[in-house]
Amino acid sequence: MSNLGVAVVVVVAVVAVAVVVVIRKVKDQGSTNKYCMTVASRKEVARHTPSLPNPPIFEEGPNFHQFFLTKCINAERTALKAEDIRIKMARTNTQLLNHLI
């Protein structure tokens, strides 16, 4: 398998970048498209499900789409529970409200 150099980067962030999901298309001998998923998060963000398989290679299709969507939603929910992120969100919301008043 070799990388084709194509990547989709999804950043899950509300106030600060908390989780980054990278999807790379990988070349395979077969006829279906396959993708490699990598997830990185700040140390304050707890692990979230679903866990990546080993190796994190997925065939294109509805199962991959569902896994990807679930992973992104759970990453955002977990990031919002991190103490550091909650403090930053509260500060940002207060500043936005003060600006409106």
N, C-alpha and C. Protein backbone atom coordinates (compact mmCIF):
# COMPACT_ATOMS: atom_id res chain seq x y z
N MET A 1 0.83 -1.17 0.00
CA MET A 1 0.00 0.00 0.00
C MET A 1 0.88 1.24 0.00
N SER A 2 0.53 2.19 -0.83
CA SER A 2 1.24 3.46 -0.83
C SER A 2 0.22 4.59 -0.81
N ASN A 3 0.62 5.69 -0.23
CA ASN A 3 -0.29 6.84 -0.14
C ASN A 3 -0.40 7.53 -1.48
N LEU A 4 -1.58 8.00 -1.80
CA LEU A 4 -1.79 8.75 -3.02
C LEU A 4 -1.61 10.24 -2.80
N GLY A 5 -1.36 10.64 -1.57
CA GLY A 5 -1.15 12.04 -1.27
C GLY A 5 -2.45 12.83 -1.10
N VAL A 6 -3.58 12.16 -1.07
CA VAL A 6 -4.86 12.82 -0.89
C VAL A 6 -5.27 12.68 0.56
N ALA A 7 -5.62 13.78 1.20
CA ALA A 7 -6.01 13.71 2.61
C ALA A 7 -7.19 14.62 2.86
N VAL A 8 -8.06 14.18 3.72
CA VAL A 8 -9.16 14.99 4.22
C VAL A 8 -8.90 15.19 5.70
N VAL A 9 -8.88 16.42 6.13
CA VAL A 9 -8.61 16.69 7.53
C VAL A 9 -9.88 17.27 8.15
N VAL A 10 -10.33 16.65 9.20
CA VAL A 10 -11.51 17.12 9.93
C VAL A 10 -11.04 17.58 11.29
N VAL A 11 -11.31 18.82 11.61
CA VAL A 11 -10.90 19.38 12.89
C VAL A 11 -12.15 19.56 13.74
N VAL A 12 -12.16 18.90 14.88
CA VAL A 12 -13.27 19.04 15.82
C VAL A 12 -12.84 20.08 16.84
N ALA A 13 -13.43 21.27 16.72
CA ALA A 13 -13.04 22.36 17.61
C ALA A 13 -14.22 23.26 17.87
N VAL A 14 -14.31 23.72 19.07
CA VAL A 14 -15.31 24.71 19.42
C VAL A 14 -14.60 26.03 19.71
N VAL A 15 -13.69 26.02 20.63
CA VAL A 15 -12.93 27.20 20.98
C VAL A 15 -11.48 27.02 20.55
N ALA A 16 -10.96 25.83 20.74
CA ALA A 16 -9.58 25.52 20.38
C ALA A 16 -9.59 24.17 19.68
N VAL A 17 -8.58 23.94 18.88
CA VAL A 17 -8.49 22.64 18.20
C VAL A 17 -8.29 21.57 19.26
N ALA A 18 -9.22 20.64 19.32
CA ALA A 18 -9.17 19.60 20.34
C ALA A 18 -8.90 18.24 19.74
N VAL A 19 -9.49 17.95 18.58
CA VAL A 19 -9.33 16.65 17.93
C VAL A 19 -9.16 16.87 16.43
N VAL A 20 -8.23 16.13 15.84
CA VAL A 20 -8.01 16.18 14.40
C VAL A 20 -8.15 14.77 13.86
N VAL A 21 -8.98 14.61 12.83
CA VAL A 21 -9.15 13.32 12.17
C VAL A 21 -8.63 13.48 10.74
N VAL A 22 -7.69 12.62 10.36
CA VAL A 22 -7.12 12.68 9.01
C VAL A 22 -7.51 11.41 8.27
N ILE A 23 -8.07 11.60 7.07
CA ILE A 23 -8.45 10.48 6.21
C ILE A 23 -7.56 10.55 4.97
N ARG A 24 -6.84 9.46 4.71
CA ARG A 24 -5.99 9.39 3.51
C ARG A 24 -6.44 8.24 2.64
N LYS A 25 -6.53 8.49 1.35
CA LYS A 25 -6.84 7.42 0.41
C LYS A 25 -5.58 6.60 0.20
N VAL A 26 -5.72 5.29 0.27
CA VAL A 26 -4.56 4.41 0.07
C VAL A 26 -4.76 3.57 -1.18
N LYS A 27 -3.67 3.29 -1.84
CA LYS A 27 -3.72 2.50 -3.06
C LYS A 27 -3.69 1.02 -2.67
N ASP A 28 -4.54 0.26 -3.30
CA ASP A 28 -4.65 -1.16 -3.00
C ASP A 28 -4.76 -1.92 -4.32
N GLN A 29 -4.49 -3.21 -4.27
CA GLN A 29 -4.56 -4.04 -5.46
C GLN A 29 -5.99 -4.25 -5.92
N GLY A 30 -6.95 -4.15 -5.03
CA GLY A 30 -8.35 -4.43 -5.34
C GLY A 30 -9.01 -3.29 -6.10
N SER A 31 -10.28 -3.48 -6.40
CA SER A 31 -11.01 -2.50 -7.19
C SER A 31 -11.74 -1.46 -6.33
N THR A 32 -11.87 -1.70 -5.02
CA THR A 32 -12.58 -0.74 -4.17
C THR A 32 -11.61 0.28 -3.58
N ASN A 33 -12.11 1.47 -3.32
CA ASN A 33 -11.30 2.51 -2.68
C ASN A 33 -11.16 2.17 -1.20
N LYS A 34 -9.96 2.40 -0.67
CA LYS A 34 -9.70 2.18 0.75
C LYS A 34 -9.10 3.44 1.33
N TYR A 35 -9.39 3.64 2.62
CA TYR A 35 -8.95 4.85 3.30
C TYR A 35 -8.32 4.50 4.64
N CYS A 36 -7.31 5.27 5.00
CA CYS A 36 -6.64 5.13 6.29
C CYS A 36 -7.06 6.30 7.16
N MET A 37 -7.50 6.03 8.38
CA MET A 37 -7.94 7.07 9.30
C MET A 37 -6.95 7.18 10.46
N THR A 38 -6.58 8.42 10.77
CA THR A 38 -5.72 8.71 11.90
C THR A 38 -6.42 9.76 12.76
N VAL A 39 -6.35 9.60 14.08
CA VAL A 39 -7.00 10.54 14.99
C VAL A 39 -5.96 11.01 16.00
N ALA A 40 -5.91 12.33 16.19
CA ALA A 40 -5.03 12.92 17.21
C ALA A 40 -5.86 13.88 18.04
N SER A 41 -5.60 13.90 19.34
CA SER A 41 -6.36 14.82 20.20
C SER A 41 -5.46 15.39 21.28
N ARG A 42 -5.91 16.50 21.84
CA ARG A 42 -5.18 17.11 22.95
C ARG A 42 -5.18 16.16 24.14
N LYS A 43 -4.18 16.32 25.00
CA LYS A 43 -4.07 15.41 26.14
C LYS A 43 -5.24 15.54 27.11
N GLU A 44 -5.92 16.69 27.10
CA GLU A 44 -7.06 16.89 28.01
C GLU A 44 -8.30 16.12 27.56
N VAL A 45 -8.34 15.74 26.29
CA VAL A 45 -9.51 15.06 25.73
C VAL A 45 -9.38 13.56 25.96
N ALA A 46 -10.37 12.98 26.62
CA ALA A 46 -10.35 11.54 26.91
C ALA A 46 -10.51 10.74 25.62
N ARG A 47 -10.14 9.47 25.68
CA ARG A 47 -10.35 8.60 24.53
C ARG A 47 -11.84 8.47 24.26
N HIS A 48 -12.18 8.32 23.00
CA HIS A 48 -13.58 8.22 22.63
C HIS A 48 -13.79 7.06 21.66
N THR A 49 -15.00 6.56 21.67
CA THR A 49 -15.33 5.43 20.83
C THR A 49 -15.93 5.91 19.52
N PRO A 50 -16.00 5.12 18.52
CA PRO A 50 -15.47 3.76 18.44
C PRO A 50 -13.95 3.78 18.26
N SER A 51 -13.29 2.77 18.79
CA SER A 51 -11.84 2.66 18.67
C SER A 51 -11.47 2.30 17.24
N LEU A 52 -10.31 2.80 16.82
CA LEU A 52 -9.84 2.47 15.47
C LEU A 52 -9.37 1.02 15.43
N PRO A 53 -9.68 0.31 14.36
CA PRO A 53 -9.16 -1.05 14.22
C PRO A 53 -7.67 -1.00 13.91
N ASN A 54 -7.01 -2.13 14.01
CA ASN A 54 -5.60 -2.21 13.66
C ASN A 54 -5.42 -3.20 12.52
N PRO A 55 -5.05 -2.78 11.35
CA PRO A 55 -4.74 -1.44 10.88
C PRO A 55 -6.01 -0.63 10.64
N PRO A 56 -5.90 0.71 10.70
CA PRO A 56 -7.09 1.56 10.54
C PRO A 56 -7.44 1.82 9.07
N ILE A 57 -7.62 0.74 8.33
CA ILE A 57 -7.94 0.81 6.90
C ILE A 57 -9.41 0.45 6.71
N PHE A 58 -10.12 1.27 5.95
CA PHE A 58 -11.55 1.07 5.73
C PHE A 58 -11.85 1.04 4.24
N GLU A 59 -12.77 0.16 3.85
CA GLU A 59 -13.27 0.17 2.48
C GLU A 59 -14.36 1.22 2.38
N GLU A 60 -14.43 1.87 1.22
CA GLU A 60 -15.46 2.87 1.00
C GLU A 60 -16.83 2.22 1.06
N GLY A 61 -17.77 2.91 1.69
CA GLY A 61 -19.11 2.37 1.78
C GLY A 61 -19.84 2.89 3.00
N PRO A 62 -21.08 2.44 3.19
CA PRO A 62 -21.90 2.96 4.29
C PRO A 62 -21.33 2.64 5.68
N ASN A 63 -20.65 1.51 5.83
CA ASN A 63 -20.07 1.18 7.14
C ASN A 63 -18.97 2.18 7.51
N PHE A 64 -18.15 2.54 6.54
CA PHE A 64 -17.09 3.53 6.79
C PHE A 64 -17.71 4.89 7.08
N HIS A 65 -18.71 5.28 6.32
CA HIS A 65 -19.36 6.57 6.54
C HIS A 65 -19.96 6.64 7.94
N GLN A 66 -20.61 5.58 8.38
CA GLN A 66 -21.21 5.54 9.72
C GLN A 66 -20.14 5.59 10.80
N PHE A 67 -19.05 4.84 10.61
CA PHE A 67 -17.95 4.84 11.58
C PHE A 67 -17.36 6.24 11.69
N PHE A 68 -17.11 6.88 10.55
CA PHE A 68 -16.51 8.21 10.51
C PHE A 68 -17.41 9.24 11.20
N LEU A 69 -18.69 9.22 10.89
CA LEU A 69 -19.63 10.16 11.49
C LEU A 69 -19.71 9.95 13.00
N THR A 70 -19.81 8.70 13.43
CA THR A 70 -19.87 8.39 14.86
C THR A 70 -18.60 8.84 15.56
N LYS A 71 -17.45 8.60 14.95
CA LYS A 71 -16.16 8.99 15.53
C LYS A 71 -16.10 10.51 15.71
N CYS A 72 -16.54 11.27 14.71
CA CYS A 72 -16.50 12.74 14.79
C CYS A 72 -17.46 13.27 15.86
N ILE A 73 -18.65 12.73 15.92
CA ILE A 73 -19.63 13.17 16.91
C ILE A 73 -19.14 12.87 18.32
N ASN A 74 -18.64 11.67 18.54
CA ASN A 74 -18.14 11.31 19.86
C ASN A 74 -16.89 12.10 20.24
N ALA A 75 -16.06 12.42 19.25
CA ALA A 75 -14.87 13.24 19.51
C ALA A 75 -15.29 14.62 19.99
N GLU A 76 -16.28 15.20 19.33
CA GLU A 76 -16.75 16.52 19.74
C GLU A 76 -17.37 16.48 21.14
N ARG A 77 -18.19 15.48 21.41
CA ARG A 77 -18.82 15.37 22.72
C ARG A 77 -17.79 15.19 23.82
N THR A 78 -16.78 14.38 23.57
CA THR A 78 -15.72 14.15 24.55
C THR A 78 -14.90 15.42 24.76
N ALA A 79 -14.62 16.14 23.68
CA ALA A 79 -13.84 17.38 23.79
C ALA A 79 -14.60 18.42 24.62
N LEU A 80 -15.91 18.48 24.44
CA LEU A 80 -16.71 19.45 25.19
C LEU A 80 -16.74 19.15 26.68
N LYS A 81 -16.44 17.92 27.06
CA LYS A 81 -16.41 17.55 28.48
C LYS A 81 -15.07 17.82 29.14
N ALA A 82 -14.04 18.09 28.34
CA ALA A 82 -12.70 18.35 28.89
C ALA A 82 -12.72 19.68 29.65
N GLU A 83 -12.15 19.69 30.83
CA GLU A 83 -12.18 20.87 31.71
C GLU A 83 -11.58 22.09 31.03
N ASP A 84 -10.45 21.93 30.39
CA ASP A 84 -9.77 23.05 29.73
C ASP A 84 -10.65 23.67 28.64
N ILE A 85 -11.31 22.83 27.87
CA ILE A 85 -12.18 23.29 26.79
C ILE A 85 -13.40 23.99 27.37
N ARG A 86 -13.99 23.43 28.43
CA ARG A 86 -15.17 24.05 29.05
C ARG A 86 -14.85 25.44 29.58
N ILE A 87 -13.67 25.62 30.17
CA ILE A 87 -13.28 26.93 30.69
C ILE A 87 -13.15 27.93 29.55
N LYS A 88 -12.52 27.51 28.47
CA LYS A 88 -12.35 28.40 27.31
C LYS A 88 -13.69 28.74 26.68
N MET A 89 -14.59 27.76 26.60
CA MET A 89 -15.91 28.03 26.04
C MET A 89 -16.68 29.03 26.90
N ALA A 90 -16.63 28.85 28.20
CA ALA A 90 -17.34 29.76 29.10
C ALA A 90 -16.80 31.18 28.95
N ARG A 91 -15.48 31.32 28.88
CA ARG A 91 -14.87 32.64 28.73
C ARG A 91 -15.26 33.27 27.39
N THR A 92 -15.24 32.48 26.32
CA THR A 92 -15.63 32.98 25.01
C THR A 92 -17.09 33.39 24.97
N ASN A 93 -17.95 32.56 25.55
CA ASN A 93 -19.38 32.89 25.58
C ASN A 93 -19.65 34.16 26.37
N THR A 94 -18.94 34.34 27.48
CA THR A 94 -19.10 35.54 28.29
C THR A 94 -18.67 36.78 27.49
N GLN A 95 -17.56 36.67 26.79
CA GLN A 95 -17.09 37.81 25.99
C GLN A 95 -18.05 38.12 24.86
N LEU A 96 -18.61 37.09 24.23
CA LEU A 96 -19.59 37.32 23.17
C LEU A 96 -20.83 38.00 23.70
N LEU A 97 -21.32 37.54 24.85
CA LEU A 97 -22.50 38.16 25.45
C LEU A 97 -22.22 39.61 25.86
N ASN A 98 -21.05 39.87 26.44
CA ASN A 98 -20.69 41.22 26.81
C ASN A 98 -20.60 42.13 25.59
N HIS A 99 -20.15 41.59 24.50
CA HIS A 99 -20.05 42.37 23.26
C HIS A 99 -21.43 42.72 22.72
N LEU A 100 -22.41 41.83 22.91
CA LEU A 100 -23.77 42.07 22.43
C LEU A 100 -24.53 43.07 23.29
N ILE A 101 -24.15 43.13 24.56
CA ILE A 101 -24.90 43.99 25.50
C ILE A 101 -24.43 45.42 25.42
